[in-house]
Amino acid sequence: MPPFGNLYGLPTYVEQSLAEQDYIVFEAGTHTDAIKMSYRDYEKIVKPR
């Protein structure tokens, strides 16, 4: 479940409660790294459903 499904031609779905947050955090490809991003920026880039 990649956070940027749009890069792979996949639809990306977001739970409504996440859309109400100021920021989101998701895996960065390792077991120890994470990315913290403004939800509004994420929404602009990915355009999740």
PDB file of N, CA and C in Angstrom:
ATOM      1  N   MET A   1       0.834  -1.177   0.000  1.00  0.00           N
ATOM      2  CA  MET A   1       0.000   0.000   0.000  1.00  0.00           C
ATOM      3  C   MET A   1       0.881   1.244   0.000  1.00  0.00           C
ATOM      4  N   PRO A   2       1.346   1.608  -1.143  1.00  0.00           N
ATOM      5  CA  PRO A   2       2.208   2.794  -1.222  1.00  0.00           C
ATOM      6  C   PRO A   2       1.404   4.074  -0.972  1.00  0.00           C
ATOM      7  N   PRO A   3       1.987   5.024  -0.230  1.00  0.00           N
ATOM      8  CA  PRO A   3       1.273   6.273   0.024  1.00  0.00           C
ATOM      9  C   PRO A   3       1.121   7.125  -1.237  1.00  0.00           C
ATOM     10  N   PHE A   4       1.932   6.834  -2.248  1.00  0.00           N
ATOM     11  CA  PHE A   4       1.857   7.566  -3.507  1.00  0.00           C
ATOM     12  C   PHE A   4       1.450   6.614  -4.628  1.00  0.00           C
ATOM     13  N   GLY A   5       0.283   6.015  -4.488  1.00  0.00           N
ATOM     14  CA  GLY A   5      -0.211   5.062  -5.475  1.00  0.00           C
ATOM     15  C   GLY A   5      -0.312   5.666  -6.861  1.00  0.00           C
ATOM     16  N   ASN A   6      -0.521   6.966  -6.918  1.00  0.00           N
ATOM     17  CA  ASN A   6      -0.632   7.644  -8.220  1.00  0.00           C
ATOM     18  C   ASN A   6       0.627   7.470  -9.068  1.00  0.00           C
ATOM     19  N   LEU A   7       1.774   7.263  -8.440  1.00  0.00           N
ATOM     20  CA  LEU A   7       3.015   7.046  -9.184  1.00  0.00           C
ATOM     21  C   LEU A   7       3.031   5.703  -9.898  1.00  0.00           C
ATOM     22  N   TYR A   8       2.167   4.795  -9.439  1.00  0.00           N
ATOM     23  CA  TYR A   8       2.098   3.450 -10.011  1.00  0.00           C
ATOM     24  C   TYR A   8       0.793   3.211 -10.770  1.00  0.00           C
ATOM     25  N   GLY A   9       0.051   4.291 -11.004  1.00  0.00           N
ATOM     26  CA  GLY A   9      -1.220   4.169 -11.701  1.00  0.00           C
ATOM     27  C   GLY A   9      -2.305   3.530 -10.846  1.00  0.00           C
ATOM     28  N   LEU A  10      -2.163   3.578  -9.518  1.00  0.00           N
ATOM     29  CA  LEU A  10      -3.125   2.981  -8.603  1.00  0.00           C
ATOM     30  C   LEU A  10      -3.960   4.054  -7.928  1.00  0.00           C
ATOM     31  N   PRO A  11      -5.237   3.793  -7.716  1.00  0.00           N
ATOM     32  CA  PRO A  11      -6.031   4.752  -6.935  1.00  0.00           C
ATOM     33  C   PRO A  11      -5.549   4.742  -5.488  1.00  0.00           C
ATOM     34  N   THR A  12      -5.575   5.888  -4.845  1.00  0.00           N
ATOM     35  CA  THR A  12      -5.153   5.996  -3.454  1.00  0.00           C
ATOM     36  C   THR A  12      -6.354   6.426  -2.627  1.00  0.00           C
ATOM     37  N   TYR A  13      -6.636   5.670  -1.593  1.00  0.00           N
ATOM     38  CA  TYR A  13      -7.769   5.957  -0.723  1.00  0.00           C
ATOM     39  C   TYR A  13      -7.263   6.423   0.633  1.00  0.00           C
ATOM     40  N   VAL A  14      -7.985   7.382   1.227  1.00  0.00           N
ATOM     41  CA  VAL A  14      -7.603   7.919   2.529  1.00  0.00           C
ATOM     42  C   VAL A  14      -8.817   7.887   3.449  1.00  0.00           C
ATOM     43  N   GLU A  15      -8.609   7.390   4.637  1.00  0.00           N
ATOM     44  CA  GLU A  15      -9.649   7.411   5.664  1.00  0.00           C
ATOM     45  C   GLU A  15      -9.983   8.867   5.981  1.00  0.00           C
ATOM     46  N   GLN A  16     -11.258   9.186   6.086  1.00  0.00           N
ATOM     47  CA  GLN A  16     -11.711  10.558   6.309  1.00  0.00           C
ATOM     48  C   GLN A  16     -11.048  11.195   7.526  1.00  0.00           C
ATOM     49  N   SER A  17     -10.824  10.429   8.581  1.00  0.00           N
ATOM     50  CA  SER A  17     -10.211  11.009   9.784  1.00  0.00           C
ATOM     51  C   SER A  17      -8.787  11.499   9.509  1.00  0.00           C
ATOM     52  N   LEU A  18      -8.068  10.864   8.576  1.00  0.00           N
ATOM     53  CA  LEU A  18      -6.722  11.348   8.220  1.00  0.00           C
ATOM     54  C   LEU A  18      -6.799  12.686   7.495  1.00  0.00           C
ATOM     55  N   ALA A  19      -7.830  12.851   6.693  1.00  0.00           N
ATOM     56  CA  ALA A  19      -7.994  14.099   5.937  1.00  0.00           C
ATOM     57  C   ALA A  19      -8.263  15.287   6.854  1.00  0.00           C
ATOM     58  N   GLU A  20      -8.646  15.013   8.075  1.00  0.00           N
ATOM     59  CA  GLU A  20      -8.937  16.086   9.031  1.00  0.00           C
ATOM     60  C   GLU A  20      -7.716  16.472   9.870  1.00  0.00           C
ATOM     61  N   GLN A  21      -6.592  15.795   9.658  1.00  0.00           N
ATOM     62  CA  GLN A  21      -5.373  16.050  10.430  1.00  0.00           C
ATOM     63  C   GLN A  21      -4.517  17.121   9.753  1.00  0.00           C
ATOM     64  N   ASP A  22      -3.666  17.776  10.551  1.00  0.00           N
ATOM     65  CA  ASP A  22      -2.755  18.778   9.999  1.00  0.00           C
ATOM     66  C   ASP A  22      -1.635  18.130   9.197  1.00  0.00           C
ATOM     67  N   TYR A  23      -1.205  16.941   9.641  1.00  0.00           N
ATOM     68  CA  TYR A  23      -0.130  16.250   8.944  1.00  0.00           C
ATOM     69  C   TYR A  23      -0.347  14.749   9.019  1.00  0.00           C
ATOM     70  N   ILE A  24       0.355  14.025   8.166  1.00  0.00           N
ATOM     71  CA  ILE A  24       0.323  12.559   8.189  1.00  0.00           C
ATOM     72  C   ILE A  24       1.763  12.050   8.232  1.00  0.00           C
ATOM     73  N   VAL A  25       1.926  10.831   8.698  1.00  0.00           N
ATOM     74  CA  VAL A  25       3.241  10.191   8.775  1.00  0.00           C
ATOM     75  C   VAL A  25       3.107   8.823   8.116  1.00  0.00           C
ATOM     76  N   PHE A  26       4.055   8.491   7.251  1.00  0.00           N
ATOM     77  CA  PHE A  26       4.016   7.188   6.587  1.00  0.00           C
ATOM     78  C   PHE A  26       5.424   6.646   6.428  1.00  0.00           C
ATOM     79  N   GLU A  27       5.518   5.340   6.167  1.00  0.00           N
ATOM     80  CA  GLU A  27       6.812   4.677   6.028  1.00  0.00           C
ATOM     81  C   GLU A  27       7.617   5.301   4.893  1.00  0.00           C
ATOM     82  N   ALA A  28       8.940   5.296   5.092  1.00  0.00           N
ATOM     83  CA  ALA A  28       9.830   5.875   4.084  1.00  0.00           C
ATOM     84  C   ALA A  28      10.689   4.808   3.409  1.00  0.00           C
ATOM     85  N   GLY A  29      10.240   3.554   3.463  1.00  0.00           N
ATOM     86  CA  GLY A  29      10.959   2.498   2.771  1.00  0.00           C
ATOM     87  C   GLY A  29      11.901   1.672   3.621  1.00  0.00           C
ATOM     88  N   THR A  30      12.040   2.031   4.905  1.00  0.00           N
ATOM     89  CA  THR A  30      12.865   1.235   5.805  1.00  0.00           C
ATOM     90  C   THR A  30      12.067   0.969   7.081  1.00  0.00           C
ATOM     91  N   HIS A  31      12.625   0.190   7.961  1.00  0.00           N
ATOM     92  CA  HIS A  31      11.957  -0.081   9.236  1.00  0.00           C
ATOM     93  C   HIS A  31      12.187   1.025  10.263  1.00  0.00           C
ATOM     94  N   THR A  32      13.083   1.945   9.955  1.00  0.00           N
ATOM     95  CA  THR A  32      13.415   2.982  10.932  1.00  0.00           C
ATOM     96  C   THR A  32      13.117   4.408  10.466  1.00  0.00           C
ATOM     97  N   ASP A  33      12.799   4.595   9.203  1.00  0.00           N
ATOM     98  CA  ASP A  33      12.567   5.947   8.684  1.00  0.00           C
ATOM     99  C   ASP A  33      11.090   6.176   8.372  1.00  0.00           C
ATOM    100  N   ALA A  34      10.662   7.414   8.590  1.00  0.00           N
ATOM    101  CA  ALA A  34       9.289   7.805   8.300  1.00  0.00           C
ATOM    102  C   ALA A  34       9.297   9.211   7.715  1.00  0.00           C
ATOM    103  N   ILE A  35       8.235   9.534   7.013  1.00  0.00           N
ATOM    104  CA  ILE A  35       8.073  10.866   6.425  1.00  0.00           C
ATOM    105  C   ILE A  35       6.871  11.528   7.082  1.00  0.00           C
ATOM    106  N   LYS A  36       7.054  12.739   7.557  1.00  0.00           N
ATOM    107  CA  LYS A  36       5.970  13.544   8.114  1.00  0.00           C
ATOM    108  C   LYS A  36       5.679  14.643   7.102  1.00  0.00           C
ATOM    109  N   MET A  37       4.431  14.724   6.681  1.00  0.00           N
ATOM    110  CA  MET A  37       4.067  15.656   5.611  1.00  0.00           C
ATOM    111  C   MET A  37       2.740  16.326   5.937  1.00  0.00           C
ATOM    112  N   SER A  38       2.609  17.562   5.585  1.00  0.00           N
ATOM    113  CA  SER A  38       1.337  18.260   5.723  1.00  0.00           C
ATOM    114  C   SER A  38       0.284  17.501   4.918  1.00  0.00           C
ATOM    115  N   TYR A  39      -0.879  17.255   5.523  1.00  0.00           N
ATOM    116  CA  TYR A  39      -1.914  16.532   4.778  1.00  0.00           C
ATOM    117  C   TYR A  39      -2.324  17.313   3.539  1.00  0.00           C
ATOM    118  N   ARG A  40      -2.391  18.620   3.645  1.00  0.00           N
ATOM    119  CA  ARG A  40      -2.804  19.441   2.488  1.00  0.00           C
ATOM    120  C   ARG A  40      -1.815  19.292   1.325  1.00  0.00           C
ATOM    121  N   ASP A  41      -0.522  19.234   1.619  1.00  0.00           N
ATOM    122  CA  ASP A  41       0.472  19.014   0.566  1.00  0.00           C
ATOM    123  C   ASP A  41       0.306  17.630  -0.048  1.00  0.00           C
ATOM    124  N   TYR A  42       0.097  16.629   0.803  1.00  0.00           N
ATOM    125  CA  TYR A  42      -0.122  15.260   0.327  1.00  0.00           C
ATOM    126  C   TYR A  42      -1.341  15.213  -0.593  1.00  0.00           C
ATOM    127  N   GLU A  43      -2.411  15.864  -0.180  1.00  0.00           N
ATOM    128  CA  GLU A  43      -3.651  15.887  -0.959  1.00  0.00           C
ATOM    129  C   GLU A  43      -3.430  16.529  -2.335  1.00  0.00           C
ATOM    130  N   LYS A  44      -2.652  17.597  -2.384  1.00  0.00           N
ATOM    131  CA  LYS A  44      -2.364  18.272  -3.657  1.00  0.00           C
ATOM    132  C   LYS A  44      -1.569  17.375  -4.606  1.00  0.00           C
ATOM    133  N   ILE A  45      -0.643  16.611  -4.050  1.00  0.00           N
ATOM    134  CA  ILE A  45       0.229  15.764  -4.863  1.00  0.00           C
ATOM    135  C   ILE A  45      -0.476  14.492  -5.340  1.00  0.00           C
ATOM    136  N   VAL A  46      -1.162  13.821  -4.405  1.00  0.00           N
ATOM    137  CA  VAL A  46      -1.706  12.486  -4.692  1.00  0.00           C
ATOM    138  C   VAL A  46      -3.152  12.529  -5.177  1.00  0.00           C
ATOM    139  N   LYS A  47      -3.921  13.501  -4.707  1.00  0.00           N
ATOM    140  CA  LYS A  47      -5.349  13.584  -5.023  1.00  0.00           C
ATOM    141  C   LYS A  47      -6.080  12.289  -4.643  1.00  0.00           C
ATOM    142  N   PRO A  48      -5.979  11.891  -3.355  1.00  0.00           N
ATOM    143  CA  PRO A  48      -6.614  10.635  -2.921  1.00  0.00           C
ATOM    144  C   PRO A  48      -8.135  10.737  -2.922  1.00  0.00           C
ATOM    145  N   ARG A  49      -8.766   9.575  -2.931  1.00  0.00           N
ATOM    146  CA  ARG A  49     -10.235   9.502  -2.875  1.00  0.00           C
ATOM    147  C   ARG A  49     -10.679   9.396  -1.435  1.00  0.00           C
TER     148      ARG A  49
END
